């Protein structure tokens, strides 16, 4: 989170999160928390400034919720 999404202008925004390889990556794409562009469009978290603890906590909560809903 801190390396891929938190910076104001992440390197390779829109391409920094793999589509597979870890359940969290799948969850990020499913919940539109995969890049700053999706965060702005779907969650109203604008780009151009570092993500604070509150925004990072929100993103983690969204991902956890999605993962919990898919557990058998």
C-alpha atoms as a PDB file:
ATOM      1  CA  UNK A   1       0.000   0.000   0.000  1.00  0.00           C
ATOM      2  CA  UNK A   2       2.616   2.514   1.052  1.00  0.00           C
ATOM      3  CA  UNK A   3       4.769   1.830  -2.007  1.00  0.00           C
ATOM      4  CA  UNK A   4       2.157   1.211  -4.704  1.00  0.00           C
ATOM      5  CA  UNK A   5      -0.761   3.510  -3.859  1.00  0.00           C
ATOM      6  CA  UNK A   6       0.139   6.025  -1.167  1.00  0.00           C
ATOM      7  CA  UNK A   7       2.502   8.303  -3.132  1.00  0.00           C
ATOM      8  CA  UNK A   8       0.914  11.382  -4.704  1.00  0.00           C
ATOM      9  CA  UNK A   9       2.124  10.303  -8.149  1.00  0.00           C
ATOM     10  CA  UNK A  10       2.800   6.546  -8.075  1.00  0.00           C
ATOM     11  CA  UNK A  11       5.181   5.090 -10.624  1.00  0.00           C
ATOM     12  CA  UNK A  12       3.268   3.413 -13.489  1.00  0.00           C
ATOM     13  CA  UNK A  13      -0.141   4.406 -12.136  1.00  0.00           C
ATOM     14  CA  UNK A  14      -2.738   2.111 -13.640  1.00  0.00           C
ATOM     15  CA  UNK A  15      -0.222  -0.684 -14.153  1.00  0.00           C
ATOM     16  CA  UNK A  16       1.387  -1.089 -10.739  1.00  0.00           C
ATOM     17  CA  UNK A  17      -0.927  -3.822  -9.430  1.00  0.00           C
ATOM     18  CA  UNK A  18      -0.621  -7.262 -11.065  1.00  0.00           C
ATOM     19  CA  UNK A  19      -3.835  -8.992 -12.144  1.00  0.00           C
ATOM     20  CA  UNK A  20      -2.916 -12.248 -10.379  1.00  0.00           C
ATOM     21  CA  UNK A  21      -0.297 -13.851  -8.175  1.00  0.00           C
ATOM     22  CA  UNK A  22      -1.841 -12.996  -4.800  1.00  0.00           C
ATOM     23  CA  UNK A  23      -5.456 -12.830  -3.587  1.00  0.00           C
ATOM     24  CA  UNK A  24      -4.980  -9.193  -2.555  1.00  0.00           C
ATOM     25  CA  UNK A  25      -4.128  -8.222  -6.147  1.00  0.00           C
ATOM     26  CA  UNK A  26      -7.390  -9.787  -7.359  1.00  0.00           C
ATOM     27  CA  UNK A  27      -9.266  -8.022  -4.556  1.00  0.00           C
ATOM     28  CA  UNK A  28      -7.716  -4.684  -5.482  1.00  0.00           C
ATOM     29  CA  UNK A  29      -8.944  -4.985  -9.064  1.00  0.00           C
ATOM     30  CA  UNK A  30     -12.369  -6.235  -7.983  1.00  0.00           C
ATOM     31  CA  UNK A  31     -12.828  -3.307  -5.593  1.00  0.00           C
ATOM     32  CA  UNK A  32     -11.239  -0.600  -7.760  1.00  0.00           C
ATOM     33  CA  UNK A  33      -8.438  -0.036  -5.249  1.00  0.00           C
ATOM     34  CA  UNK A  34      -5.701  -1.041  -7.690  1.00  0.00           C
ATOM     35  CA  UNK A  35      -4.493   2.419  -8.763  1.00  0.00           C
ATOM     36  CA  UNK A  36      -4.972   6.101  -8.038  1.00  0.00           C
ATOM     37  CA  UNK A  37      -7.112   6.516 -11.165  1.00  0.00           C
ATOM     38  CA  UNK A  38      -9.608   3.893  -9.937  1.00  0.00           C
ATOM     39  CA  UNK A  39      -9.492   5.281  -6.400  1.00  0.00           C
ATOM     40  CA  UNK A  40     -10.457   8.702  -7.749  1.00  0.00           C
ATOM     41  CA  UNK A  41     -13.178   7.416 -10.074  1.00  0.00           C
ATOM     42  CA  UNK A  42     -14.867   4.865  -7.809  1.00  0.00           C
ATOM     43  CA  UNK A  43     -14.039   5.998  -4.266  1.00  0.00           C
ATOM     44  CA  UNK A  44     -13.583   9.757  -4.586  1.00  0.00           C
ATOM     45  CA  UNK A  45     -10.002   9.628  -3.298  1.00  0.00           C
ATOM     46  CA  UNK A  46      -8.220  12.137  -5.503  1.00  0.00           C
ATOM     47  CA  UNK A  47      -4.722  11.790  -6.871  1.00  0.00           C
ATOM     48  CA  UNK A  48      -1.943  14.313  -6.460  1.00  0.00           C
ATOM     49  CA  UNK A  49      -1.430  14.031  -2.720  1.00  0.00           C
ATOM     50  CA  UNK A  50      -0.002  11.371  -0.414  1.00  0.00           C
ATOM     51  CA  UNK A  51      -2.635   8.992   0.975  1.00  0.00           C
ATOM     52  CA  UNK A  52      -3.016   9.566   4.694  1.00  0.00           C
ATOM     53  CA  UNK A  53      -3.634   6.961   7.362  1.00  0.00           C
ATOM     54  CA  UNK A  54      -7.410   7.387   7.086  1.00  0.00           C
ATOM     55  CA  UNK A  55      -7.472   6.755   3.317  1.00  0.00           C
ATOM     56  CA  UNK A  56      -5.075   3.835   3.617  1.00  0.00           C
ATOM     57  CA  UNK A  57      -7.206   2.332   6.391  1.00  0.00           C
ATOM     58  CA  UNK A  58     -10.322   2.694   4.247  1.00  0.00           C
ATOM     59  CA  UNK A  59      -8.646   0.918   1.312  1.00  0.00           C
ATOM     60  CA  UNK A  60      -7.453  -1.936   3.536  1.00  0.00           C
ATOM     61  CA  UNK A  61     -10.963  -2.285   5.001  1.00  0.00           C
ATOM     62  CA  UNK A  62     -12.523  -2.479   1.518  1.00  0.00           C
ATOM     63  CA  UNK A  63     -10.047  -5.177   0.462  1.00  0.00           C
ATOM     64  CA  UNK A  64     -10.550  -7.170   3.695  1.00  0.00           C
ATOM     65  CA  UNK A  65     -14.324  -7.005   3.290  1.00  0.00           C
ATOM     66  CA  UNK A  66     -14.117  -8.327  -0.277  1.00  0.00           C
ATOM     67  CA  UNK A  67     -11.764 -11.151   0.749  1.00  0.00           C
ATOM     68  CA  UNK A  68     -13.960 -12.157   3.718  1.00  0.00           C
ATOM     69  CA  UNK A  69     -17.043 -12.322   1.501  1.00  0.00           C
ATOM     70  CA  UNK A  70     -15.292 -14.826  -0.757  1.00  0.00           C
ATOM     71  CA  UNK A  71     -14.037 -17.229   1.893  1.00  0.00           C
ATOM     72  CA  UNK A  72     -15.727 -20.632   1.848  1.00  0.00           C
END
